[in-house]
Amino acid sequence: MQQDDTTVWPDRMIISIGGWACDMTEQTNVLIVEDDNTNRLFLEKLVISLGYAPVTAANGKEGLKQLQTHDDISAVLLDWLMPEMNGIELLQIMKQNTAYAQIPVIMQTARTNKENILEGISNGAYYYLPKPYEMQILQAILRGATEEHQRNIQLQKRAAAFETHVDDFIVEGVLRFRTIEEGNRISSWFAQFSANEYTSAGLIELFINAVEHGNLGITYDDKTQLLLDSSLDEEIDHRLTLPENCGKFVEVRFARHRDQMHVHIIDQGRGFDYTKYLDFDPERVFDPHGRGIALSHNKFFRGVTYFGTGNEVRIKFPLQASLYTSNRSQTCVELETISES
């Protein structure tokens, strides 16, 4: 990936954003598509034990009917081999339909070879559960998938709720934040300008990495164990209070360039080998995390560009047409002048 030096980043307009958290009080429905009665009953009990509401189907066709009936599914536990319609066939239908495309799908499979995993990834499945089930891993992956989906819905709602006042006239600036909740709010603010529906989801993945790994020093293996122990949030809160982390922040520099917004994210960590995470690795698909950067690079944006040791990353997203085709000629001239300077 080549460095792009065309953007001039501002050193003014420092803004501190307060915290905001997702509303997770609504009922969470999980669709279980599994033809084996014993496995389906086991998964149904597990879903209930985690506080979610199970919706069940015995094959892909029944699963599609349940999706058409329920408009509030937060995750799908999907078996690979089933009669009438198999898991991959249902997955393909889901990813081609905008009503279902963003629902996370967790593939249940005994097929753990690289070719099968790559087939699932190419069809849009980024979560995997190996059979036989390991309870701790199953719980961590299901919880992570449902919380990610609910968070993205809340980010989209918040972006839609922003009222446009002076925001349309902001052309460059710097934002600083410390917590993931603050990053949530900033990603929603950027989304109001974007013509890309995945902007919030992509930014928050990069923000999470900047906070957790960058500023707080949580390693990949640390996060895996913390998720399995259901103690990640507590560890993040603890590390935020440590003296060595109290002064750390993530800096987000942004500038409009005609029909695009350029965003540069800088954390205060030591960096990491980002090349391992830019694409989906079949060796890590059964881990309860580790998909965010690959999703941002391959799905949410048209690539992400890392710099140096990996503590800086830059993305671009398209602006809504109304922001650069306005009848307000003075604003258009001003934006063009700034972009060319």
C-alpha atoms as a PDB file:
ATOM      1  CA  MET A   1       0.000   0.000   0.000  1.00  0.00           C
ATOM      2  CA  GLN A   2       1.454   3.319  -1.054  1.00  0.00           C
ATOM      3  CA  GLN A   3       1.505   6.458   1.032  1.00  0.00           C
ATOM      4  CA  ASP A   4      -0.580   9.334  -0.295  1.00  0.00           C
ATOM      5  CA  ASP A   5       0.901  12.720   0.579  1.00  0.00           C
ATOM      6  CA  THR A   6      -1.659  14.877  -1.242  1.00  0.00           C
ATOM      7  CA  THR A   7      -3.732  15.640   1.846  1.00  0.00           C
ATOM      8  CA  VAL A   8      -2.755  18.611   4.011  1.00  0.00           C
ATOM      9  CA  TRP A   9      -3.910  17.959   7.578  1.00  0.00           C
ATOM     10  CA  PRO A  10      -4.975  20.932   9.717  1.00  0.00           C
ATOM     11  CA  ASP A  11      -3.564  21.820  13.113  1.00  0.00           C
ATOM     12  CA  ARG A  12      -6.566  23.818  14.268  1.00  0.00           C
ATOM     13  CA  MET A  13     -10.186  23.323  15.334  1.00  0.00           C
ATOM     14  CA  ILE A  14      -9.572  20.854  18.194  1.00  0.00           C
ATOM     15  CA  ILE A  15     -12.894  19.385  19.351  1.00  0.00           C
ATOM     16  CA  SER A  16     -13.477  17.129  22.362  1.00  0.00           C
ATOM     17  CA  ILE A  17     -16.459  14.813  22.075  1.00  0.00           C
ATOM     18  CA  GLY A  18     -18.372  13.523  25.106  1.00  0.00           C
ATOM     19  CA  GLY A  19     -19.381   9.906  25.623  1.00  0.00           C
ATOM     20  CA  TRP A  20     -22.340   8.037  24.226  1.00  0.00           C
ATOM     21  CA  ALA A  21     -23.367   4.397  24.518  1.00  0.00           C
ATOM     22  CA  CYS A  22     -25.675   2.163  22.509  1.00  0.00           C
ATOM     23  CA  ASP A  23     -29.149   1.409  23.792  1.00  0.00           C
ATOM     24  CA  MET A  24     -29.108  -2.365  24.202  1.00  0.00           C
ATOM     25  CA  THR A  25     -32.471  -2.649  26.020  1.00  0.00           C
ATOM     26  CA  GLU A  26     -34.516  -3.924  23.064  1.00  0.00           C
ATOM     27  CA  GLN A  27     -35.079  -7.673  22.711  1.00  0.00           C
ATOM     28  CA  THR A  28     -32.401  -9.409  20.684  1.00  0.00           C
ATOM     29  CA  ASN A  29     -33.665 -12.138  18.332  1.00  0.00           C
ATOM     30  CA  VAL A  30     -31.266 -14.817  17.077  1.00  0.00           C
ATOM     31  CA  LEU A  31     -32.263 -17.052  14.169  1.00  0.00           C
ATOM     32  CA  ILE A  32     -31.059 -20.670  14.503  1.00  0.00           C
ATOM     33  CA  VAL A  33     -31.055 -22.600  11.201  1.00  0.00           C
ATOM     34  CA  GLU A  34     -30.110 -26.188  11.998  1.00  0.00           C
ATOM     35  CA  ASP A  35     -31.564 -29.461  10.691  1.00  0.00           C
ATOM     36  CA  ASP A  36     -30.376 -31.642  13.585  1.00  0.00           C
ATOM     37  CA  ASN A  37     -33.006 -31.595  16.354  1.00  0.00           C
ATOM     38  CA  THR A  38     -30.496 -32.166  19.164  1.00  0.00           C
ATOM     39  CA  ASN A  39     -28.154 -29.391  18.013  1.00  0.00           C
ATOM     40  CA  ARG A  40     -31.053 -27.023  17.405  1.00  0.00           C
ATOM     41  CA  LEU A  41     -32.436 -27.583  20.924  1.00  0.00           C
ATOM     42  CA  PHE A  42     -28.955 -27.118  22.425  1.00  0.00           C
ATOM     43  CA  LEU A  43     -28.459 -23.821  20.575  1.00  0.00           C
ATOM     44  CA  GLU A  44     -31.950 -22.663  21.505  1.00  0.00           C
ATOM     45  CA  LYS A  45     -31.197 -23.191  25.214  1.00  0.00           C
ATOM     46  CA  LEU A  46     -27.855 -21.426  24.844  1.00  0.00           C
ATOM     47  CA  VAL A  47     -29.458 -18.406  23.157  1.00  0.00           C
ATOM     48  CA  ILE A  48     -32.007 -18.165  25.975  1.00  0.00           C
ATOM     49  CA  SER A  49     -29.266 -18.454  28.627  1.00  0.00           C
ATOM     50  CA  LEU A  50     -27.530 -15.423  27.105  1.00  0.00           C
ATOM     51  CA  GLY A  51     -30.716 -13.365  27.372  1.00  0.00           C
ATOM     52  CA  TYR A  52     -31.628 -13.524  23.670  1.00  0.00           C
ATOM     53  CA  ALA A  53     -34.847 -14.729  22.044  1.00  0.00           C
ATOM     54  CA  PRO A  54     -34.435 -17.750  19.725  1.00  0.00           C
ATOM     55  CA  VAL A  55     -36.183 -18.063  16.355  1.00  0.00           C
ATOM     56  CA  THR A  56     -35.714 -21.534  14.833  1.00  0.00           C
ATOM     57  CA  ALA A  57     -35.750 -23.199  11.423  1.00  0.00           C
ATOM     58  CA  ALA A  58     -34.922 -26.752  10.319  1.00  0.00           C
ATOM     59  CA  ASN A  59     -33.442 -25.867   6.904  1.00  0.00           C
ATOM     60  CA  GLY A  60     -32.545 -22.957   4.640  1.00  0.00           C
ATOM     61  CA  LYS A  61     -36.032 -22.563   3.188  1.00  0.00           C
ATOM     62  CA  GLU A  62     -37.589 -22.318   6.642  1.00  0.00           C
ATOM     63  CA  GLY A  63     -34.815 -19.936   7.643  1.00  0.00           C
ATOM     64  CA  LEU A  64     -35.651 -17.638   4.729  1.00  0.00           C
ATOM     65  CA  LYS A  65     -39.324 -17.651   5.746  1.00  0.00           C
ATOM     66  CA  GLN A  66     -38.355 -16.695   9.299  1.00  0.00           C
ATOM     67  CA  LEU A  67     -36.256 -13.808   7.980  1.00  0.00           C
ATOM     68  CA  GLN A  68     -39.219 -12.631   5.931  1.00  0.00           C
ATOM     69  CA  THR A  69     -41.484 -12.881   8.985  1.00  0.00           C
ATOM     70  CA  HIS A  70     -39.157 -11.277  11.556  1.00  0.00           C
ATOM     71  CA  ASP A  71     -37.632  -7.893  10.743  1.00  0.00           C
ATOM     72  CA  ASP A  72     -35.584  -7.716  13.954  1.00  0.00           C
ATOM     73  CA  ILE A  73     -33.081 -10.586  13.676  1.00  0.00           C
ATOM     74  CA  SER A  74     -29.704  -9.585  15.158  1.00  0.00           C
ATOM     75  CA  ALA A  75     -27.686 -12.684  14.180  1.00  0.00           C
ATOM     76  CA  VAL A  76     -28.088 -15.993  12.345  1.00  0.00           C
ATOM     77  CA  LEU A  77     -26.588 -19.264  13.556  1.00  0.00           C
ATOM     78  CA  LEU A  78     -26.436 -21.128  10.254  1.00  0.00           C
ATOM     79  CA  ASP A  79     -25.627 -24.794   9.655  1.00  0.00           C
ATOM     80  CA  TRP A  80     -23.667 -25.557   6.492  1.00  0.00           C
ATOM     81  CA  LEU A  81     -25.157 -28.889   5.356  1.00  0.00           C
ATOM     82  CA  MET A  82     -28.971 -29.061   5.346  1.00  0.00           C
ATOM     83  CA  PRO A  83     -31.701 -30.527   3.109  1.00  0.00           C
ATOM     84  CA  GLU A  84     -33.774 -28.444   0.645  1.00  0.00           C
ATOM     85  CA  MET A  85     -31.582 -25.340   0.958  1.00  0.00           C
ATOM     86  CA  ASN A  86     -28.111 -25.478   2.485  1.00  0.00           C
ATOM     87  CA  GLY A  87     -26.376 -22.805   4.512  1.00  0.00           C
ATOM     88  CA  ILE A  88     -24.325 -21.313   1.687  1.00  0.00           C
ATOM     89  CA  GLU A  89     -27.446 -20.986  -0.507  1.00  0.00           C
ATOM     90  CA  LEU A  90     -29.303 -19.105   2.241  1.00  0.00           C
ATOM     91  CA  LEU A  91     -26.222 -16.967   2.907  1.00  0.00           C
ATOM     92  CA  GLN A  92     -26.053 -15.948  -0.764  1.00  0.00           C
ATOM     93  CA  ILE A  93     -29.741 -14.943  -0.733  1.00  0.00           C
ATOM     94  CA  MET A  94     -29.214 -12.896   2.432  1.00  0.00           C
ATOM     95  CA  LYS A  95     -26.213 -10.994   1.115  1.00  0.00           C
ATOM     96  CA  GLN A  96     -28.063 -10.118  -2.116  1.00  0.00           C
ATOM     97  CA  ASN A  97     -31.043  -8.671  -0.226  1.00  0.00           C
ATOM     98  CA  THR A  98     -30.541  -5.278   1.413  1.00  0.00           C
ATOM     99  CA  ALA A  99     -33.045  -6.205   4.142  1.00  0.00           C
ATOM    100  CA  TYR A 100     -30.793  -9.015   5.388  1.00  0.00           C
ATOM    101  CA  ALA A 101     -27.325  -8.151   4.065  1.00  0.00           C
ATOM    102  CA  GLN A 102     -26.046  -6.554   7.283  1.00  0.00           C
ATOM    103  CA  ILE A 103     -27.210  -9.297   9.654  1.00  0.00           C
ATOM    104  CA  PRO A 104     -24.097 -11.156  10.907  1.00  0.00           C
ATOM    105  CA  VAL A 105     -24.069 -14.842   9.988  1.00  0.00           C
ATOM    106  CA  ILE A 106     -22.270 -17.386  12.159  1.00  0.00           C
ATOM    107  CA  MET A 107     -21.539 -20.525  10.138  1.00  0.00           C
ATOM    108  CA  GLN A 108     -21.661 -23.798  12.085  1.00  0.00           C
ATOM    109  CA  THR A 109     -19.503 -26.375  10.408  1.00  0.00           C
ATOM    110  CA  ALA A 110     -17.265 -29.376  10.780  1.00  0.00           C
ATOM    111  CA  ARG A 111     -15.615 -28.229   7.528  1.00  0.00           C
ATOM    112  CA  THR A 112     -12.538 -26.501   8.876  1.00  0.00           C
ATOM    113  CA  ASN A 113     -10.275 -26.782   5.813  1.00  0.00           C
ATOM    114  CA  LYS A 114      -9.040 -23.603   4.130  1.00  0.00           C
ATOM    115  CA  GLU A 115     -11.028 -24.066   0.899  1.00  0.00           C
ATOM    116  CA  ASN A 116     -14.380 -24.306   2.699  1.00  0.00           C
ATOM    117  CA  ILE A 117     -13.594 -21.334   4.928  1.00  0.00           C
ATOM    118  CA  LEU A 118     -12.619 -19.211   1.925  1.00  0.00           C
ATOM    119  CA  GLU A 119     -15.879 -20.212   0.219  1.00  0.00           C
ATOM    120  CA  GLY A 120     -17.823 -18.959   3.225  1.00  0.00           C
ATOM    121  CA  ILE A 121     -15.816 -15.732   3.441  1.00  0.00           C
ATOM    122  CA  SER A 122     -16.316 -15.029  -0.272  1.00  0.00           C
ATOM    123  CA  ASN A 123     -20.071 -15.299   0.302  1.00  0.00           C
ATOM    124  CA  GLY A 124     -20.047 -12.906   3.263  1.00  0.00           C
ATOM    125  CA  ALA A 125     -19.716 -15.155   6.342  1.00  0.00           C
ATOM    126  CA  TYR A 126     -17.093 -13.780   8.730  1.00  0.00           C
ATOM    127  CA  TYR A 127     -17.970 -15.722  11.911  1.00  0.00           C
ATOM    128  CA  TYR A 128     -17.442 -19.478  12.313  1.00  0.00           C
ATOM    129  CA  LEU A 129     -18.250 -22.107  14.937  1.00  0.00           C
ATOM    130  CA  PRO A 130     -16.478 -25.446  14.690  1.00  0.00           C
ATOM    131  CA  LYS A 131     -18.384 -28.628  15.489  1.00  0.00           C
ATOM    132  CA  PRO A 132     -18.425 -30.108  18.059  1.00  0.00           C
ATOM    133  CA  TYR A 133     -19.230 -26.910  19.951  1.00  0.00           C
ATOM    134  CA  GLU A 134     -16.987 -25.391  22.592  1.00  0.00           C
ATOM    135  CA  MET A 135     -19.338 -23.547  24.932  1.00  0.00           C
ATOM    136  CA  GLN A 136     -17.003 -20.668  25.861  1.00  0.00           C
ATOM    137  CA  ILE A 137     -16.112 -19.907  22.237  1.00  0.00           C
ATOM    138  CA  LEU A 138     -19.733 -20.243  21.120  1.00  0.00           C
ATOM    139  CA  GLN A 139     -20.898 -17.744  23.748  1.00  0.00           C
ATOM    140  CA  ALA A 140     -18.136 -15.241  22.924  1.00  0.00           C
ATOM    141  CA  ILE A 141     -18.759 -15.353  19.153  1.00  0.00           C
ATOM    142  CA  LEU A 142     -22.548 -15.107  19.466  1.00  0.00           C
ATOM    143  CA  ARG A 143     -22.322 -12.231  21.914  1.00  0.00           C
ATOM    144  CA  GLY A 144     -19.795 -10.411  19.719  1.00  0.00           C
ATOM    145  CA  ALA A 145     -21.884 -10.802  16.563  1.00  0.00           C
ATOM    146  CA  THR A 146     -25.162  -9.646  18.123  1.00  0.00           C
ATOM    147  CA  GLU A 147     -23.561  -6.679  19.890  1.00  0.00           C
ATOM    148  CA  GLU A 148     -21.817  -5.621  16.679  1.00  0.00           C
ATOM    149  CA  HIS A 149     -25.122  -5.691  14.778  1.00  0.00           C
ATOM    150  CA  GLN A 150     -26.982  -3.736  17.465  1.00  0.00           C
ATOM    151  CA  ARG A 151     -24.169  -1.196  17.659  1.00  0.00           C
ATOM    152  CA  ASN A 152     -24.232  -0.631  13.897  1.00  0.00           C
ATOM    153  CA  ILE A 153     -28.008  -0.135  13.960  1.00  0.00           C
ATOM    154  CA  GLN A 154     -27.665   2.431  16.746  1.00  0.00           C
ATOM    155  CA  LEU A 155     -24.881   4.223  14.851  1.00  0.00           C
ATOM    156  CA  GLN A 156     -27.076   4.430  11.744  1.00  0.00           C
ATOM    157  CA  LYS A 157     -30.003   5.771  13.784  1.00  0.00           C
ATOM    158  CA  ARG A 158     -27.798   8.366  15.417  1.00  0.00           C
ATOM    159  CA  ALA A 159     -26.364   9.465  12.068  1.00  0.00           C
ATOM    160  CA  ALA A 160     -29.891   9.849  10.659  1.00  0.00           C
ATOM    161  CA  ALA A 161     -30.922  11.896  13.700  1.00  0.00           C
ATOM    162  CA  PHE A 162     -28.228  14.544  13.281  1.00  0.00           C
ATOM    163  CA  GLU A 163     -29.746  17.912  12.371  1.00  0.00           C
ATOM    164  CA  THR A 164     -27.822  19.793   9.713  1.00  0.00           C
ATOM    165  CA  HIS A 165     -26.875  23.300  10.778  1.00  0.00           C
ATOM    166  CA  VAL A 166     -23.271  24.478  10.430  1.00  0.00           C
ATOM    167  CA  ASP A 167     -21.981  20.928   9.868  1.00  0.00           C
ATOM    168  CA  ASP A 168     -22.399  21.234   6.105  1.00  0.00           C
ATOM    169  CA  PHE A 169     -19.878  24.077   6.104  1.00  0.00           C
ATOM    170  CA  ILE A 170     -17.121  22.304   8.035  1.00  0.00           C
ATOM    171  CA  VAL A 171     -14.341  21.438   5.600  1.00  0.00           C
ATOM    172  CA  GLU A 172     -11.486  20.344   7.835  1.00  0.00           C
ATOM    173  CA  GLY A 173     -10.651  19.800  11.469  1.00  0.00           C
ATOM    174  CA  VAL A 174      -9.227  17.618  14.237  1.00  0.00           C
ATOM    175  CA  LEU A 175     -11.184  15.500  16.720  1.00  0.00           C
ATOM    176  CA  ARG A 176      -9.719  13.850  19.806  1.00  0.00           C
ATOM    177  CA  PHE A 177     -11.261  11.128  21.961  1.00  0.00           C
ATOM    178  CA  ARG A 178     -10.243   8.550  24.592  1.00  0.00           C
ATOM    179  CA  THR A 179     -13.020   5.966  24.844  1.00  0.00           C
ATOM    180  CA  ILE A 180     -14.849   3.669  22.447  1.00  0.00           C
ATOM    181  CA  GLU A 181     -18.144   5.316  23.410  1.00  0.00           C
ATOM    182  CA  GLU A 182     -16.733   8.654  22.270  1.00  0.00           C
ATOM    183  CA  GLY A 183     -15.565   6.993  19.053  1.00  0.00           C
ATOM    184  CA  ASN A 184     -19.130   5.764  18.494  1.00  0.00           C
ATOM    185  CA  ARG A 185     -20.396   9.316  18.558  1.00  0.00           C
ATOM    186  CA  ILE A 186     -17.711  10.589  16.194  1.00  0.00           C
ATOM    187  CA  SER A 187     -18.328   7.796  13.681  1.00  0.00           C
ATOM    188  CA  SER A 188     -22.032   8.703  13.636  1.00  0.00           C
ATOM    189  CA  TRP A 189     -21.154  12.351  13.065  1.00  0.00           C
ATOM    190  CA  PHE A 190     -19.048  11.456  10.025  1.00  0.00           C
ATOM    191  CA  ALA A 191     -21.794   9.179   8.676  1.00  0.00           C
ATOM    192  CA  GLN A 192     -24.173  12.098   8.172  1.00  0.00           C
ATOM    193  CA  PHE A 193     -21.901  13.361   5.384  1.00  0.00           C
ATOM    194  CA  SER A 194     -21.287  10.005   3.736  1.00  0.00           C
ATOM    195  CA  ALA A 195     -22.814   8.391   0.659  1.00  0.00           C
ATOM    196  CA  ASN A 196     -21.440   5.056   1.933  1.00  0.00           C
ATOM    197  CA  GLU A 197     -23.830   3.194   4.265  1.00  0.00           C
ATOM    198  CA  TYR A 198     -20.903   1.401   5.940  1.00  0.00           C
ATOM    199  CA  THR A 199     -18.990   4.508   7.057  1.00  0.00           C
ATOM    200  CA  SER A 200     -20.011   4.301  10.731  1.00  0.00           C
ATOM    201  CA  ALA A 201     -19.273   0.591  10.928  1.00  0.00           C
ATOM    202  CA  GLY A 202     -15.895   0.965   9.242  1.00  0.00           C
ATOM    203  CA  LEU A 203     -14.743   3.914  11.328  1.00  0.00           C
ATOM    204  CA  ILE A 204     -15.715   2.358  14.645  1.00  0.00           C
ATOM    205  CA  GLU A 205     -13.714  -0.783  13.817  1.00  0.00           C
ATOM    206  CA  LEU A 206     -10.630   1.373  13.269  1.00  0.00           C
ATOM    207  CA  PHE A 207     -11.416   3.459  16.373  1.00  0.00           C
ATOM    208  CA  ILE A 208     -11.759   0.317  18.509  1.00  0.00           C
ATOM    209  CA  ASN A 209      -8.356  -0.915  17.343  1.00  0.00           C
ATOM    210  CA  ALA A 210      -6.811   2.497  18.058  1.00  0.00           C
ATOM    211  CA  VAL A 211      -8.155   2.550  21.624  1.00  0.00           C
ATOM    212  CA  GLU A 212      -7.810  -1.106  22.619  1.00  0.00           C
ATOM    213  CA  HIS A 213      -4.591  -2.139  20.933  1.00  0.00           C
ATOM    214  CA  GLY A 214      -2.998   1.241  20.290  1.00  0.00           C
ATOM    215  CA  ASN A 215      -3.482   3.326  23.416  1.00  0.00           C
ATOM    216  CA  LEU A 216      -4.280   0.614  25.971  1.00  0.00           C
ATOM    217  CA  GLY A 217      -1.881  -2.091  24.766  1.00  0.00           C
ATOM    218  CA  ILE A 218      -4.400  -4.949  24.644  1.00  0.00           C
ATOM    219  CA  THR A 219      -2.820  -7.600  22.428  1.00  0.00           C
ATOM    220  CA  TYR A 220      -4.655  -9.992  20.099  1.00  0.00           C
ATOM    221  CA  ASP A 221      -4.194 -12.872  22.548  1.00  0.00           C
ATOM    222  CA  ASP A 222      -5.204 -10.643  25.485  1.00  0.00           C
ATOM    223  CA  LYS A 223      -8.468  -9.749  23.762  1.00  0.00           C
ATOM    224  CA  THR A 224      -9.214 -13.357  22.859  1.00  0.00           C
ATOM    225  CA  GLN A 225      -8.971 -14.436  26.494  1.00  0.00           C
ATOM    226  CA  LEU A 226     -10.841 -11.379  27.784  1.00  0.00           C
ATOM    227  CA  LEU A 227     -13.728 -12.113  25.406  1.00  0.00           C
ATOM    228  CA  LEU A 228     -13.814 -15.760  26.464  1.00  0.00           C
ATOM    229  CA  ASP A 229     -13.891 -14.595  30.101  1.00  0.00           C
ATOM    230  CA  SER A 230     -16.538 -11.914  29.347  1.00  0.00           C
ATOM    231  CA  SER A 231     -14.259  -9.317  30.974  1.00  0.00           C
ATOM    232  CA  LEU A 232     -13.133  -7.123  28.058  1.00  0.00           C
ATOM    233  CA  ASP A 233     -15.203  -4.068  29.039  1.00  0.00           C
ATOM    234  CA  GLU A 234     -13.940  -4.195  32.622  1.00  0.00           C
ATOM    235  CA  GLU A 235     -10.329  -4.452  31.453  1.00  0.00           C
ATOM    236  CA  ILE A 236     -10.760  -1.487  29.094  1.00  0.00           C
ATOM    237  CA  ASP A 237     -12.242   0.634  31.898  1.00  0.00           C
ATOM    238  CA  HIS A 238      -9.370  -0.378  34.189  1.00  0.00           C
ATOM    239  CA  ARG A 239      -6.638   0.427  31.673  1.00  0.00           C
ATOM    240  CA  LEU A 240      -8.185   3.812  30.875  1.00  0.00           C
ATOM    241  CA  THR A 241      -7.590   4.822  34.515  1.00  0.00           C
ATOM    242  CA  LEU A 242      -3.929   3.752  34.661  1.00  0.00           C
ATOM    243  CA  PRO A 243      -1.496   6.691  35.021  1.00  0.00           C
ATOM    244  CA  GLU A 244       0.396   5.761  31.850  1.00  0.00           C
ATOM    245  CA  ASN A 245      -2.836   5.915  29.813  1.00  0.00           C
ATOM    246  CA  CYS A 246      -4.651   8.891  31.329  1.00  0.00           C
ATOM    247  CA  GLY A 247      -3.129  11.392  28.917  1.00  0.00           C
ATOM    248  CA  LYS A 248      -3.511   9.278  25.773  1.00  0.00           C
ATOM    249  CA  PHE A 249      -6.055  10.055  23.077  1.00  0.00           C
ATOM    250  CA  VAL A 250      -6.884   9.077  19.517  1.00  0.00           C
ATOM    251  CA  GLU A 251      -6.601  11.952  17.052  1.00  0.00           C
ATOM    252  CA  VAL A 252      -8.843  12.069  13.988  1.00  0.00           C
ATOM    253  CA  ARG A 253      -7.874  14.565  11.288  1.00  0.00           C
ATOM    254  CA  PHE A 254     -10.296  15.157   8.461  1.00  0.00           C
ATOM    255  CA  ALA A 255     -10.550  17.266   5.315  1.00  0.00           C
ATOM    256  CA  ARG A 256     -13.021  17.495   2.450  1.00  0.00           C
ATOM    257  CA  HIS A 257     -11.735  17.083  -1.092  1.00  0.00           C
ATOM    258  CA  ARG A 258     -14.537  17.911  -3.521  1.00  0.00           C
ATOM    259  CA  ASP A 259     -16.624  14.721  -3.481  1.00  0.00           C
ATOM    260  CA  GLN A 260     -14.669  12.850  -0.787  1.00  0.00           C
ATOM    261  CA  MET A 261     -13.844  13.059   2.898  1.00  0.00           C
ATOM    262  CA  HIS A 262     -10.294  12.081   3.864  1.00  0.00           C
ATOM    263  CA  VAL A 263      -9.891  10.803   7.443  1.00  0.00           C
ATOM    264  CA  HIS A 264      -6.556  10.174   9.178  1.00  0.00           C
ATOM    265  CA  ILE A 265      -6.608   8.283  12.515  1.00  0.00           C
ATOM    266  CA  ILE A 266      -3.589   8.393  14.845  1.00  0.00           C
ATOM    267  CA  ASP A 267      -3.234   6.525  18.142  1.00  0.00           C
ATOM    268  CA  GLN A 268      -0.410   6.845  20.657  1.00  0.00           C
ATOM    269  CA  GLY A 269       0.628   3.205  20.740  1.00  0.00           C
ATOM    270  CA  ARG A 270       3.668   1.395  19.394  1.00  0.00           C
ATOM    271  CA  GLY A 271       1.918   0.123  16.274  1.00  0.00           C
ATOM    272  CA  PHE A 272       1.508  -3.453  15.038  1.00  0.00           C
ATOM    273  CA  ASP A 273       2.021  -5.663  11.981  1.00  0.00           C
ATOM    274  CA  TYR A 274      -1.132  -4.539  10.191  1.00  0.00           C
ATOM    275  CA  THR A 275      -0.357  -6.571   7.045  1.00  0.00           C
ATOM    276  CA  LYS A 276      -1.618  -9.744   8.792  1.00  0.00           C
ATOM    277  CA  TYR A 277      -5.069  -8.255   9.355  1.00  0.00           C
ATOM    278  CA  LEU A 278      -5.884  -6.537   6.060  1.00  0.00           C
ATOM    279  CA  ASP A 279      -7.433  -9.714   4.634  1.00  0.00           C
ATOM    280  CA  PHE A 280      -9.470 -12.535   6.131  1.00  0.00           C
ATOM    281  CA  ASP A 281      -7.177 -15.279   7.408  1.00  0.00           C
ATOM    282  CA  PRO A 282      -8.674 -18.804   7.488  1.00  0.00           C
ATOM    283  CA  GLU A 283      -6.366 -19.537  10.430  1.00  0.00           C
ATOM    284  CA  ARG A 284      -8.208 -16.986  12.606  1.00  0.00           C
ATOM    285  CA  VAL A 285     -11.852 -17.336  11.519  1.00  0.00           C
ATOM    286  CA  PHE A 286     -12.764 -19.381  14.605  1.00  0.00           C
ATOM    287  CA  ASP A 287     -11.455 -16.661  16.958  1.00  0.00           C
ATOM    288  CA  PRO A 288     -14.086 -14.472  18.657  1.00  0.00           C
ATOM    289  CA  HIS A 289     -12.600 -11.303  17.123  1.00  0.00           C
ATOM    290  CA  GLY A 290     -10.027 -10.130  14.556  1.00  0.00           C
ATOM    291  CA  ARG A 291     -12.302  -9.253  11.619  1.00  0.00           C
ATOM    292  CA  GLY A 292     -12.644  -5.475  11.950  1.00  0.00           C
ATOM    293  CA  ILE A 293      -9.645  -4.281   9.936  1.00  0.00           C
ATOM    294  CA  ALA A 294     -10.295  -6.799   7.138  1.00  0.00           C
ATOM    295  CA  LEU A 295     -13.942  -5.698   6.963  1.00  0.00           C
ATOM    296  CA  SER A 296     -12.906  -2.039   6.825  1.00  0.00           C
ATOM    297  CA  HIS A 297     -10.324  -2.755   4.128  1.00  0.00           C
ATOM    298  CA  ASN A 298     -12.386  -5.087   1.934  1.00  0.00           C
ATOM    299  CA  LYS A 299     -16.028  -4.165   2.552  1.00  0.00           C
ATOM    300  CA  PHE A 300     -16.641  -0.916   4.417  1.00  0.00           C
ATOM    301  CA  PHE A 301     -14.171   1.258   2.466  1.00  0.00           C
ATOM    302  CA  ARG A 302     -12.235   0.966  -0.767  1.00  0.00           C
ATOM    303  CA  GLY A 303      -9.131   0.020   1.130  1.00  0.00           C
ATOM    304  CA  VAL A 304      -7.408   1.418   4.211  1.00  0.00           C
ATOM    305  CA  THR A 305      -3.843   2.744   4.183  1.00  0.00           C
ATOM    306  CA  TYR A 306      -1.573   2.237   7.193  1.00  0.00           C
ATOM    307  CA  PHE A 307       1.638   4.174   7.817  1.00  0.00           C
ATOM    308  CA  GLY A 308       4.881   3.629   9.666  1.00  0.00           C
ATOM    309  CA  THR A 309       4.594   1.177  12.553  1.00  0.00           C
ATOM    310  CA  GLY A 310       0.821   0.879  12.128  1.00  0.00           C
ATOM    311  CA  ASN A 311      -0.392   3.490  14.617  1.00  0.00           C
ATOM    312  CA  GLU A 312      -1.671   5.696  11.775  1.00  0.00           C
ATOM    313  CA  VAL A 313      -4.338   4.768   9.239  1.00  0.00           C
ATOM    314  CA  ARG A 314      -6.082   6.744   6.524  1.00  0.00           C
ATOM    315  CA  ILE A 315      -9.408   6.128   4.764  1.00  0.00           C
ATOM    316  CA  LYS A 316     -11.618   7.986   2.292  1.00  0.00           C
ATOM    317  CA  PHE A 317     -15.364   7.904   1.826  1.00  0.00           C
ATOM    318  CA  PRO A 318     -17.671   9.523  -0.755  1.00  0.00           C
ATOM    319  CA  LEU A 319     -19.690  12.561   0.262  1.00  0.00           C
ATOM    320  CA  GLN A 320     -23.409  12.876  -0.270  1.00  0.00           C
ATOM    321  CA  ALA A 321     -24.026  14.627  -3.576  1.00  0.00           C
ATOM    322  CA  SER A 322     -25.833  17.523  -1.898  1.00  0.00           C
ATOM    323  CA  LEU A 323     -22.594  18.531  -0.191  1.00  0.00           C
ATOM    324  CA  TYR A 324     -20.676  19.191  -3.405  1.00  0.00           C
ATOM    325  CA  THR A 325     -23.422  19.999  -5.958  1.00  0.00           C
ATOM    326  CA  SER A 326     -25.055  22.766  -3.952  1.00  0.00           C
ATOM    327  CA  ASN A 327     -26.521  25.901  -5.516  1.00  0.00           C
ATOM    328  CA  ARG A 328     -24.660  27.923  -2.903  1.00  0.00           C
ATOM    329  CA  SER A 329     -21.921  29.092  -5.237  1.00  0.00           C
ATOM    330  CA  GLN A 330     -19.929  30.865  -2.578  1.00  0.00           C
ATOM    331  CA  THR A 331     -19.614  27.663  -0.538  1.00  0.00           C
ATOM    332  CA  CYS A 332     -18.611  25.649  -3.624  1.00  0.00           C
ATOM    333  CA  VAL A 333     -15.881  28.136  -4.471  1.00  0.00           C
ATOM    334  CA  GLU A 334     -14.652  28.094  -0.879  1.00  0.00           C
ATOM    335  CA  LEU A 335     -14.497  24.289  -0.753  1.00  0.00           C
ATOM    336  CA  GLU A 336     -12.645  24.111  -4.068  1.00  0.00           C
ATOM    337  CA  THR A 337     -10.122  26.710  -2.974  1.00  0.00           C
ATOM    338  CA  ILE A 338      -9.398  24.881   0.278  1.00  0.00           C
ATOM    339  CA  SER A 339      -9.103  21.515  -1.495  1.00  0.00           C
ATOM    340  CA  GLU A 340      -6.523  22.879  -3.913  1.00  0.00           C
ATOM    341  CA  SER A 341      -4.438  24.678  -1.291  1.00  0.00           C
END
